[in-house]
PDB file of N, CA and C in Angstrom:
ATOM      1  N   MET A   1     -75.845 -25.927  38.070  1.00  0.00           N
ATOM      2  CA  MET A   1     -75.851 -27.337  38.362  1.00  0.00           C
ATOM      3  C   MET A   1     -77.257 -27.737  38.804  1.00  0.00           C
ATOM      4  N   PRO A   2     -77.813 -28.793  38.238  1.00  0.00           N
ATOM      5  CA  PRO A   2     -79.162 -29.223  38.628  1.00  0.00           C
ATOM      6  C   PRO A   2     -79.207 -29.615  40.101  1.00  0.00           C
ATOM      7  N   GLY A   3     -80.253 -29.203  40.761  1.00  0.00           N
ATOM      8  CA  GLY A   3     -80.403 -29.504  42.178  1.00  0.00           C
ATOM      9  C   GLY A   3     -81.775 -30.065  42.466  1.00  0.00           C
ATOM     10  N   LEU A   4     -82.138 -30.012  43.729  1.00  0.00           N
ATOM     11  CA  LEU A   4     -83.422 -30.516  44.172  1.00  0.00           C
ATOM     12  C   LEU A   4     -84.573 -29.799  43.472  1.00  0.00           C
ATOM     13  N   ASP A   5     -84.404 -28.517  43.176  1.00  0.00           N
ATOM     14  CA  ASP A   5     -85.461 -27.749  42.510  1.00  0.00           C
ATOM     15  C   ASP A   5     -85.823 -28.358  41.157  1.00  0.00           C
ATOM     16  N   LEU A   6     -84.841 -28.776  40.392  1.00  0.00           N
ATOM     17  CA  LEU A   6     -85.104 -29.383  39.083  1.00  0.00           C
ATOM     18  C   LEU A   6     -85.788 -30.731  39.248  1.00  0.00           C
ATOM     19  N   GLN A   7     -85.415 -31.483  40.271  1.00  0.00           N
ATOM     20  CA  GLN A   7     -86.077 -32.759  40.528  1.00  0.00           C
ATOM     21  C   GLN A   7     -87.545 -32.554  40.870  1.00  0.00           C
ATOM     22  N   VAL A   8     -87.866 -31.496  41.602  1.00  0.00           N
ATOM     23  CA  VAL A   8     -89.258 -31.185  41.942  1.00  0.00           C
ATOM     24  C   VAL A   8     -90.036 -30.813  40.678  1.00  0.00           C
ATOM     25  N   VAL A   9     -89.459 -29.966  39.841  1.00  0.00           N
ATOM     26  CA  VAL A   9     -90.119 -29.557  38.590  1.00  0.00           C
ATOM     27  C   VAL A   9     -90.415 -30.784  37.735  1.00  0.00           C
ATOM     28  N   ASP A  10     -89.429 -31.654  37.585  1.00  0.00           N
ATOM     29  CA  ASP A  10     -89.620 -32.863  36.776  1.00  0.00           C
ATOM     30  C   ASP A  10     -90.578 -33.840  37.445  1.00  0.00           C
ATOM     31  N   GLY A  11     -90.407 -34.051  38.755  1.00  0.00           N
ATOM     32  CA  GLY A  11     -91.234 -35.013  39.482  1.00  0.00           C
ATOM     33  C   GLY A  11     -92.706 -34.645  39.525  1.00  0.00           C
ATOM     34  N   LEU A  12     -93.004 -33.338  39.582  1.00  0.00           N
ATOM     35  CA  LEU A  12     -94.394 -32.868  39.605  1.00  0.00           C
ATOM     36  C   LEU A  12     -94.902 -32.512  38.216  1.00  0.00           C
ATOM     37  N   SER A  13     -94.065 -32.701  37.209  1.00  0.00           N
ATOM     38  CA  SER A  13     -94.413 -32.358  35.813  1.00  0.00           C
ATOM     39  C   SER A  13     -94.934 -30.931  35.707  1.00  0.00           C
ATOM     40  N   LEU A  14     -94.248 -30.001  36.361  1.00  0.00           N
ATOM     41  CA  LEU A  14     -94.664 -28.596  36.330  1.00  0.00           C
ATOM     42  C   LEU A  14     -94.377 -28.002  34.953  1.00  0.00           C
ATOM     43  N   LYS A  15     -95.291 -27.205  34.468  1.00  0.00           N
ATOM     44  CA  LYS A  15     -95.163 -26.562  33.155  1.00  0.00           C
ATOM     45  C   LYS A  15     -95.055 -25.050  33.336  1.00  0.00           C
ATOM     46  N   ASN A  16     -94.511 -24.400  32.332  1.00  0.00           N
ATOM     47  CA  ASN A  16     -94.410 -22.931  32.307  1.00  0.00           C
ATOM     48  C   ASN A  16     -93.656 -22.369  33.510  1.00  0.00           C
ATOM     49  N   VAL A  17     -92.619 -23.058  33.946  1.00  0.00           N
ATOM     50  CA  VAL A  17     -91.801 -22.583  35.058  1.00  0.00           C
ATOM     51  C   VAL A  17     -90.882 -21.491  34.528  1.00  0.00           C
ATOM     52  N   ARG A  18     -91.062 -20.278  35.052  1.00  0.00           N
ATOM     53  CA  ARG A  18     -90.264 -19.148  34.576  1.00  0.00           C
ATOM     54  C   ARG A  18     -89.012 -18.925  35.396  1.00  0.00           C
ATOM     55  N   HIS A  19     -89.061 -19.266  36.682  1.00  0.00           N
ATOM     56  CA  HIS A  19     -87.919 -19.023  37.569  1.00  0.00           C
ATOM     57  C   HIS A  19     -87.792 -20.194  38.530  1.00  0.00           C
ATOM     58  N   ARG A  20     -86.553 -20.511  38.876  1.00  0.00           N
ATOM     59  CA  ARG A  20     -86.255 -21.468  39.945  1.00  0.00           C
ATOM     60  C   ARG A  20     -85.145 -20.851  40.789  1.00  0.00           C
ATOM     61  N   ILE A  21     -85.380 -20.790  42.082  1.00  0.00           N
ATOM     62  CA  ILE A  21     -84.369 -20.218  42.978  1.00  0.00           C
ATOM     63  C   ILE A  21     -84.211 -21.154  44.171  1.00  0.00           C
ATOM     64  N   CYS A  22     -82.979 -21.476  44.506  1.00  0.00           N
ATOM     65  CA  CYS A  22     -82.689 -22.277  45.703  1.00  0.00           C
ATOM     66  C   CYS A  22     -82.102 -21.372  46.772  1.00  0.00           C
ATOM     67  N   VAL A  23     -82.640 -21.485  47.958  1.00  0.00           N
ATOM     68  CA  VAL A  23     -82.083 -20.803  49.118  1.00  0.00           C
ATOM     69  C   VAL A  23     -81.482 -21.909  49.971  1.00  0.00           C
ATOM     70  N   ASP A  24     -80.188 -22.115  49.845  1.00  0.00           N
ATOM     71  CA  ASP A  24     -79.533 -23.262  50.479  1.00  0.00           C
ATOM     72  C   ASP A  24     -78.703 -22.870  51.690  1.00  0.00           C
ATOM     73  N   ASN A  25     -78.556 -23.831  52.582  1.00  0.00           N
ATOM     74  CA  ASN A  25     -77.647 -23.729  53.731  1.00  0.00           C
ATOM     75  C   ASN A  25     -77.921 -22.538  54.640  1.00  0.00           C
ATOM     76  N   THR A  26     -79.204 -22.256  54.870  1.00  0.00           N
ATOM     77  CA  THR A  26     -79.552 -21.146  55.759  1.00  0.00           C
ATOM     78  C   THR A  26     -80.369 -21.611  56.955  1.00  0.00           C
ATOM     79  N   GLY A  27     -80.532 -22.914  57.118  1.00  0.00           N
ATOM     80  CA  GLY A  27     -81.271 -23.441  58.260  1.00  0.00           C
ATOM     81  C   GLY A  27     -82.738 -23.043  58.227  1.00  0.00           C
ATOM     82  N   CYS A  28     -83.311 -22.954  59.408  1.00  0.00           N
ATOM     83  CA  CYS A  28     -84.736 -22.638  59.527  1.00  0.00           C
ATOM     84  C   CYS A  28     -85.083 -21.290  58.899  1.00  0.00           C
ATOM     85  N   PHE A  29     -84.145 -20.352  58.943  1.00  0.00           N
ATOM     86  CA  PHE A  29     -84.405 -19.010  58.424  1.00  0.00           C
ATOM     87  C   PHE A  29     -84.629 -19.019  56.913  1.00  0.00           C
ATOM     88  N   GLY A  30     -84.199 -20.065  56.226  1.00  0.00           N
ATOM     89  CA  GLY A  30     -84.383 -20.162  54.784  1.00  0.00           C
ATOM     90  C   GLY A  30     -85.839 -20.045  54.365  1.00  0.00           C
ATOM     91  N   ALA A  31     -86.752 -20.514  55.204  1.00  0.00           N
ATOM     92  CA  ALA A  31     -88.183 -20.424  54.883  1.00  0.00           C
ATOM     93  C   ALA A  31     -88.618 -18.968  54.766  1.00  0.00           C
ATOM     94  N   PHE A  32     -88.124 -18.126  55.670  1.00  0.00           N
ATOM     95  CA  PHE A  32     -88.482 -16.705  55.608  1.00  0.00           C
ATOM     96  C   PHE A  32     -87.905 -16.042  54.356  1.00  0.00           C
ATOM     97  N   SER A  33     -86.691 -16.402  54.015  1.00  0.00           N
ATOM     98  CA  SER A  33     -86.081 -15.868  52.792  1.00  0.00           C
ATOM     99  C   SER A  33     -86.861 -16.313  51.565  1.00  0.00           C
ATOM    100  N   ALA A  34     -87.245 -17.575  51.528  1.00  0.00           N
ATOM    101  CA  ALA A  34     -87.995 -18.096  50.382  1.00  0.00           C
ATOM    102  C   ALA A  34     -89.363 -17.416  50.266  1.00  0.00           C
ATOM    103  N   LEU A  35     -90.039 -17.208  51.393  1.00  0.00           N
ATOM    104  CA  LEU A  35     -91.341 -16.521  51.349  1.00  0.00           C
ATOM    105  C   LEU A  35     -91.184 -15.060  50.933  1.00  0.00           C
ATOM    106  N   THR A  36     -90.092 -14.434  51.303  1.00  0.00           N
ATOM    107  CA  THR A  36     -89.822 -13.058  50.868  1.00  0.00           C
ATOM    108  C   THR A  36     -89.651 -12.996  49.356  1.00  0.00           C
ATOM    109  N   VAL A  37     -88.924 -13.951  48.796  1.00  0.00           N
ATOM    110  CA  VAL A  37     -88.753 -14.018  47.344  1.00  0.00           C
ATOM    111  C   VAL A  37     -90.102 -14.280  46.669  1.00  0.00           C
ATOM    112  N   ALA A  38     -90.894 -15.187  47.236  1.00  0.00           N
ATOM    113  CA  ALA A  38     -92.222 -15.477  46.680  1.00  0.00           C
ATOM    114  C   ALA A  38     -93.099 -14.228  46.688  1.00  0.00           C
ATOM    115  N   GLN A  39     -93.056 -13.485  47.769  1.00  0.00           N
ATOM    116  CA  GLN A  39     -93.835 -12.250  47.872  1.00  0.00           C
ATOM    117  C   GLN A  39     -93.384 -11.246  46.806  1.00  0.00           C
ATOM    118  N   ALA A  40     -92.089 -11.156  46.566  1.00  0.00           N
ATOM    119  CA  ALA A  40     -91.574 -10.232  45.550  1.00  0.00           C
ATOM    120  C   ALA A  40     -92.055 -10.635  44.156  1.00  0.00           C
ATOM    121  N   PHE A  41     -92.041 -11.932  43.844  1.00  0.00           N
ATOM    122  CA  PHE A  41     -92.559 -12.390  42.550  1.00  0.00           C
ATOM    123  C   PHE A  41     -94.027 -12.029  42.403  1.00  0.00           C
ATOM    124  N   CYS A  42     -94.801 -12.268  43.457  1.00  0.00           N
ATOM    125  CA  CYS A  42     -96.240 -11.980  43.393  1.00  0.00           C
ATOM    126  C   CYS A  42     -96.504 -10.485  43.291  1.00  0.00           C
ATOM    127  N   GLY A  43     -95.635  -9.683  43.870  1.00  0.00           N
ATOM    128  CA  GLY A  43     -95.792  -8.239  43.781  1.00  0.00           C
ATOM    129  C   GLY A  43     -95.447  -7.690  42.412  1.00  0.00           C
ATOM    130  N   SER A  44     -94.592  -8.399  41.678  1.00  0.00           N
ATOM    131  CA  SER A  44     -94.158  -7.894  40.372  1.00  0.00           C
ATOM    132  C   SER A  44     -94.903  -8.530  39.194  1.00  0.00           C
ATOM    133  N   GLU A  45     -95.542  -9.654  39.413  1.00  0.00           N
ATOM    134  CA  GLU A  45     -96.274 -10.332  38.344  1.00  0.00           C
ATOM    135  C   GLU A  45     -97.664 -10.694  38.859  1.00  0.00           C
ATOM    136  N   SER A  46     -98.699 -10.084  38.297  1.00  0.00           N
ATOM    137  CA  SER A  46    -100.055 -10.264  38.815  1.00  0.00           C
ATOM    138  C   SER A  46    -100.581 -11.685  38.646  1.00  0.00           C
ATOM    139  N   ASP A  47    -100.008 -12.462  37.731  1.00  0.00           N
ATOM    140  CA  ASP A  47    -100.470 -13.838  37.526  1.00  0.00           C
ATOM    141  C   ASP A  47     -99.527 -14.868  38.159  1.00  0.00           C
ATOM    142  N   ALA A  48     -98.639 -14.413  39.019  1.00  0.00           N
ATOM    143  CA  ALA A  48     -97.634 -15.299  39.612  1.00  0.00           C
ATOM    144  C   ALA A  48     -98.264 -16.309  40.560  1.00  0.00           C
ATOM    145  N   VAL A  49     -97.807 -17.543  40.456  1.00  0.00           N
ATOM    146  CA  VAL A  49     -98.124 -18.610  41.409  1.00  0.00           C
ATOM    147  C   VAL A  49     -96.780 -19.240  41.761  1.00  0.00           C
ATOM    148  N   VAL A  50     -96.440 -19.230  43.050  1.00  0.00           N
ATOM    149  CA  VAL A  50     -95.113 -19.650  43.486  1.00  0.00           C
ATOM    150  C   VAL A  50     -95.243 -20.846  44.428  1.00  0.00           C
ATOM    151  N   LEU A  51     -94.494 -21.899  44.126  1.00  0.00           N
ATOM    152  CA  LEU A  51     -94.420 -23.058  45.006  1.00  0.00           C
ATOM    153  C   LEU A  51     -93.158 -22.909  45.852  1.00  0.00           C
ATOM    154  N   VAL A  52     -93.334 -22.863  47.168  1.00  0.00           N
ATOM    155  CA  VAL A  52     -92.209 -22.763  48.099  1.00  0.00           C
ATOM    156  C   VAL A  52     -92.121 -24.096  48.844  1.00  0.00           C
ATOM    157  N   ILE A  53     -90.968 -24.740  48.764  1.00  0.00           N
ATOM    158  CA  ILE A  53     -90.737 -25.996  49.469  1.00  0.00           C
ATOM    159  C   ILE A  53     -89.536 -25.804  50.391  1.00  0.00           C
ATOM    160  N   CYS A  54     -89.722 -26.150  51.656  1.00  0.00           N
ATOM    161  CA  CYS A  54     -88.650 -26.004  52.637  1.00  0.00           C
ATOM    162  C   CYS A  54     -88.353 -27.356  53.262  1.00  0.00           C
ATOM    163  N   THR A  55     -87.078 -27.682  53.332  1.00  0.00           N
ATOM    164  CA  THR A  55     -86.658 -28.916  53.998  1.00  0.00           C
ATOM    165  C   THR A  55     -85.508 -28.608  54.947  1.00  0.00           C
ATOM    166  N   GLU A  56     -85.471 -29.340  56.015  1.00  0.00           N
ATOM    167  CA  GLU A  56     -84.388 -29.220  56.985  1.00  0.00           C
ATOM    168  C   GLU A  56     -83.958 -30.644  57.336  1.00  0.00           C
ATOM    169  N   VAL A  57     -82.712 -30.965  57.101  1.00  0.00           N
ATOM    170  CA  VAL A  57     -82.212 -32.319  57.338  1.00  0.00           C
ATOM    171  C   VAL A  57     -81.097 -32.254  58.384  1.00  0.00           C
ATOM    172  N   CYS A  58     -81.515 -32.138  59.625  1.00  0.00           N
ATOM    173  CA  CYS A  58     -80.555 -32.044  60.731  1.00  0.00           C
ATOM    174  C   CYS A  58     -79.862 -33.373  61.008  1.00  0.00           C
ATOM    175  N   SER A  59     -80.525 -34.464  60.688  1.00  0.00           N
ATOM    176  CA  SER A  59     -79.973 -35.782  61.021  1.00  0.00           C
ATOM    177  C   SER A  59     -78.649 -36.057  60.318  1.00  0.00           C
ATOM    178  N   VAL A  60     -78.364 -35.342  59.255  1.00  0.00           N
ATOM    179  CA  VAL A  60     -77.102 -35.543  58.561  1.00  0.00           C
ATOM    180  C   VAL A  60     -75.916 -35.134  59.440  1.00  0.00           C
ATOM    181  N   HIS A  61     -76.169 -34.319  60.449  1.00  0.00           N
ATOM    182  CA  HIS A  61     -75.100 -33.827  61.317  1.00  0.00           C
ATOM    183  C   HIS A  61     -74.971 -34.601  62.635  1.00  0.00           C
ATOM    184  N   ILE A  62     -75.789 -35.620  62.826  1.00  0.00           N
ATOM    185  CA  ILE A  62     -75.765 -36.358  64.091  1.00  0.00           C
ATOM    186  C   ILE A  62     -74.469 -37.152  64.224  1.00  0.00           C
ATOM    187  N   ASN A  63     -73.835 -36.978  65.364  1.00  0.00           N
ATOM    188  CA  ASN A  63     -72.650 -37.759  65.706  1.00  0.00           C
ATOM    189  C   ASN A  63     -73.105 -38.821  66.704  1.00  0.00           C
ATOM    190  N   LYS A  64     -73.323 -40.026  66.221  1.00  0.00           N
ATOM    191  CA  LYS A  64     -73.889 -41.089  67.054  1.00  0.00           C
ATOM    192  C   LYS A  64     -72.965 -41.549  68.174  1.00  0.00           C
ATOM    193  N   THR A  65     -71.708 -41.230  68.082  1.00  0.00           N
ATOM    194  CA  THR A  65     -70.767 -41.676  69.109  1.00  0.00           C
ATOM    195  C   THR A  65     -70.444 -40.587  70.127  1.00  0.00           C
ATOM    196  N   SER A  66     -71.060 -39.420  69.987  1.00  0.00           N
ATOM    197  CA  SER A  66     -70.752 -38.304  70.887  1.00  0.00           C
ATOM    198  C   SER A  66     -71.251 -38.569  72.302  1.00  0.00           C
ATOM    199  N   THR A  67     -70.463 -38.135  73.267  1.00  0.00           N
ATOM    200  CA  THR A  67     -70.869 -38.193  74.666  1.00  0.00           C
ATOM    201  C   THR A  67     -71.031 -36.787  75.247  1.00  0.00           C
ATOM    202  N   HIS A  68     -70.916 -35.765  74.393  1.00  0.00           N
ATOM    203  CA  HIS A  68     -71.055 -34.378  74.829  1.00  0.00           C
ATOM    204  C   HIS A  68     -72.541 -34.034  74.982  1.00  0.00           C
ATOM    205  N   ARG A  69     -72.885 -33.553  76.154  1.00  0.00           N
ATOM    206  CA  ARG A  69     -74.283 -33.254  76.445  1.00  0.00           C
ATOM    207  C   ARG A  69     -74.878 -32.262  75.442  1.00  0.00           C
ATOM    208  N   SER A  70     -74.132 -31.220  75.059  1.00  0.00           N
ATOM    209  CA  SER A  70     -74.665 -30.206  74.145  1.00  0.00           C
ATOM    210  C   SER A  70     -74.985 -30.806  72.778  1.00  0.00           C
ATOM    211  N   GLU A  71     -74.170 -31.712  72.291  1.00  0.00           N
ATOM    212  CA  GLU A  71     -74.449 -32.354  71.005  1.00  0.00           C
ATOM    213  C   GLU A  71     -75.672 -33.262  71.100  1.00  0.00           C
ATOM    214  N   ILE A  72     -75.760 -34.018  72.167  1.00  0.00           N
ATOM    215  CA  ILE A  72     -76.903 -34.922  72.358  1.00  0.00           C
ATOM    216  C   ILE A  72     -78.189 -34.112  72.486  1.00  0.00           C
ATOM    217  N   LEU A  73     -78.146 -33.021  73.241  1.00  0.00           N
ATOM    218  CA  LEU A  73     -79.322 -32.166  73.414  1.00  0.00           C
ATOM    219  C   LEU A  73     -79.736 -31.546  72.077  1.00  0.00           C
ATOM    220  N   GLY A  74     -78.762 -31.101  71.297  1.00  0.00           N
ATOM    221  CA  GLY A  74     -79.066 -30.553  69.979  1.00  0.00           C
ATOM    222  C   GLY A  74     -79.748 -31.576  69.081  1.00  0.00           C
ATOM    223  N   ASN A  75     -79.306 -32.814  69.149  1.00  0.00           N
ATOM    224  CA  ASN A  75     -79.912 -33.876  68.351  1.00  0.00           C
ATOM    225  C   ASN A  75     -81.343 -34.169  68.791  1.00  0.00           C
ATOM    226  N   VAL A  76     -81.596 -34.035  70.094  1.00  0.00           N
ATOM    227  CA  VAL A  76     -82.941 -34.283  70.612  1.00  0.00           C
ATOM    228  C   VAL A  76     -83.891 -33.145  70.231  1.00  0.00           C
ATOM    229  N   LEU A  77     -83.404 -31.905  70.285  1.00  0.00           N
ATOM    230  CA  LEU A  77     -84.265 -30.742  70.048  1.00  0.00           C
ATOM    231  C   LEU A  77     -84.584 -30.502  68.574  1.00  0.00           C
ATOM    232  N   PHE A  78     -83.624 -30.769  67.705  1.00  0.00           N
ATOM    233  CA  PHE A  78     -83.790 -30.425  66.298  1.00  0.00           C
ATOM    234  C   PHE A  78     -83.856 -31.692  65.464  1.00  0.00           C
ATOM    235  N   GLY A  79     -84.848 -31.748  64.586  1.00  0.00           N
ATOM    236  CA  GLY A  79     -85.010 -32.931  63.755  1.00  0.00           C
ATOM    237  C   GLY A  79     -85.293 -32.560  62.321  1.00  0.00           C
ATOM    238  N   ASP A  80     -85.412 -33.568  61.501  1.00  0.00           N
ATOM    239  CA  ASP A  80     -85.711 -33.363  60.085  1.00  0.00           C
ATOM    240  C   ASP A  80     -87.153 -32.896  59.923  1.00  0.00           C
ATOM    241  N   GLY A  81     -87.391 -32.116  58.903  1.00  0.00           N
ATOM    242  CA  GLY A  81     -88.742 -31.654  58.634  1.00  0.00           C
ATOM    243  C   GLY A  81     -88.853 -31.078  57.242  1.00  0.00           C
ATOM    244  N   ALA A  82     -90.095 -30.961  56.785  1.00  0.00           N
ATOM    245  CA  ALA A  82     -90.356 -30.381  55.472  1.00  0.00           C
ATOM    246  C   ALA A  82     -91.755 -29.788  55.461  1.00  0.00           C
ATOM    247  N   THR A  83     -91.920 -28.766  54.653  1.00  0.00           N
ATOM    248  CA  THR A  83     -93.232 -28.152  54.467  1.00  0.00           C
ATOM    249  C   THR A  83     -93.247 -27.469  53.111  1.00  0.00           C
ATOM    250  N   SER A  84     -94.419 -27.075  52.682  1.00  0.00           N
ATOM    251  CA  SER A  84     -94.524 -26.343  51.421  1.00  0.00           C
ATOM    252  C   SER A  84     -95.695 -25.374  51.499  1.00  0.00           C
ATOM    253  N   ALA A  85     -95.690 -24.421  50.602  1.00  0.00           N
ATOM    254  CA  ALA A  85     -96.768 -23.440  50.512  1.00  0.00           C
ATOM    255  C   ALA A  85     -96.901 -23.007  49.065  1.00  0.00           C
ATOM    256  N   ILE A  86     -98.109 -22.719  48.671  1.00  0.00           N
ATOM    257  CA  ILE A  86     -98.355 -22.120  47.358  1.00  0.00           C
ATOM    258  C   ILE A  86     -98.722 -20.670  47.616  1.00  0.00           C
ATOM    259  N   VAL A  87     -97.946 -19.767  47.046  1.00  0.00           N
ATOM    260  CA  VAL A  87     -98.146 -18.337  47.235  1.00  0.00           C
ATOM    261  C   VAL A  87     -98.571 -17.764  45.890  1.00  0.00           C
ATOM    262  N   ALA A  88     -99.621 -16.944  45.899  1.00  0.00           N
ATOM    263  CA  ALA A  88    -100.124 -16.385  44.643  1.00  0.00           C
ATOM    264  C   ALA A  88    -100.498 -14.923  44.829  1.00  0.00           C
ATOM    265  N   ALA A  89    -100.432 -14.188  43.733  1.00  0.00           N
ATOM    266  CA  ALA A  89    -100.890 -12.798  43.738  1.00  0.00           C
ATOM    267  C   ALA A  89    -102.400 -12.812  43.844  1.00  0.00           C
ATOM    268  N   GLY A  90    -102.934 -11.942  44.653  1.00  0.00           N
ATOM    269  CA  GLY A  90    -104.382 -11.870  44.829  1.00  0.00           C
ATOM    270  C   GLY A  90    -104.805 -10.441  45.091  1.00  0.00           C
ATOM    271  N   GLU A  91    -106.093 -10.259  45.202  1.00  0.00           N
ATOM    272  CA  GLU A  91    -106.604  -8.924  45.488  1.00  0.00           C
ATOM    273  C   GLU A  91    -106.095  -8.471  46.846  1.00  0.00           C
ATOM    274  N   GLY A  92    -105.548  -7.294  46.898  1.00  0.00           N
ATOM    275  CA  GLY A  92    -105.049  -6.744  48.146  1.00  0.00           C
ATOM    276  C   GLY A  92    -103.661  -7.241  48.523  1.00  0.00           C
ATOM    277  N   GLY A  93    -102.985  -7.918  47.612  1.00  0.00           N
ATOM    278  CA  GLY A  93    -101.633  -8.379  47.916  1.00  0.00           C
ATOM    279  C   GLY A  93    -101.478  -9.872  47.730  1.00  0.00           C
ATOM    280  N   TRP A  94    -100.411 -10.397  48.265  1.00  0.00           N
ATOM    281  CA  TRP A  94    -100.136 -11.818  48.101  1.00  0.00           C
ATOM    282  C   TRP A  94    -100.903 -12.639  49.115  1.00  0.00           C
ATOM    283  N   GLN A  95    -101.161 -13.890  48.769  1.00  0.00           N
ATOM    284  CA  GLN A  95    -101.905 -14.799  49.637  1.00  0.00           C
ATOM    285  C   GLN A  95    -101.152 -16.119  49.721  1.00  0.00           C
ATOM    286  N   MET A  96    -101.285 -16.792  50.864  1.00  0.00           N
ATOM    287  CA  MET A  96    -100.623 -18.080  51.023  1.00  0.00           C
ATOM    288  C   MET A  96    -101.695 -19.149  51.235  1.00  0.00           C
ATOM    289  N   SER A  97    -101.402 -20.356  50.748  1.00  0.00           N
ATOM    290  CA  SER A  97    -102.344 -21.461  50.893  1.00  0.00           C
ATOM    291  C   SER A  97    -102.616 -21.745  52.373  1.00  0.00           C
ATOM    292  N   PRO A  98    -103.804 -22.307  52.691  1.00  0.00           N
ATOM    293  CA  PRO A  98    -104.110 -22.628  54.096  1.00  0.00           C
ATOM    294  C   PRO A  98    -103.109 -23.626  54.663  1.00  0.00           C
ATOM    295  N   MET A  99    -102.859 -23.534  55.958  1.00  0.00           N
ATOM    296  CA  MET A  99    -101.913 -24.421  56.626  1.00  0.00           C
ATOM    297  C   MET A  99    -102.556 -25.770  56.883  1.00  0.00           C
ATOM    298  N   GLY A 100    -101.766 -26.813  56.833  1.00  0.00           N
ATOM    299  CA  GLY A 100    -102.237 -28.150  57.159  1.00  0.00           C
ATOM    300  C   GLY A 100    -101.080 -28.975  57.678  1.00  0.00           C
ATOM    301  N   MET A 101    -101.355 -29.892  58.552  1.00  0.00           N
ATOM    302  CA  MET A 101    -100.314 -30.750  59.102  1.00  0.00           C
ATOM    303  C   MET A 101    -100.498 -32.159  58.568  1.00  0.00           C
ATOM    304  N   VAL A 102     -99.369 -32.801  58.259  1.00  0.00           N
ATOM    305  CA  VAL A 102     -99.411 -34.177  57.775  1.00  0.00           C
ATOM    306  C   VAL A 102     -98.641 -35.037  58.739  1.00  0.00           C
TER     307      VAL A 102
END
């Protein structure tokens, strides 16, 4: 079933896409899983360039009418976010693009 990954491929007009993998419903830990998969691709294909995109949409779970302190605190502590990285095979192993904040 087409998902967000296909929308990214189409939206960025990416060419020569050999693999698409979604790591869904794993929360913050999904980023580590995705980077592990990216590292494996780079280790097996010397010309690999991997785009890793991570999103977290906590606001979908907000209960605006809750009066429970734990739910309110959870809503305050955790918010929506997104980041991406380009991982590529390089000399001496895999490399990740420099970090930047937007």
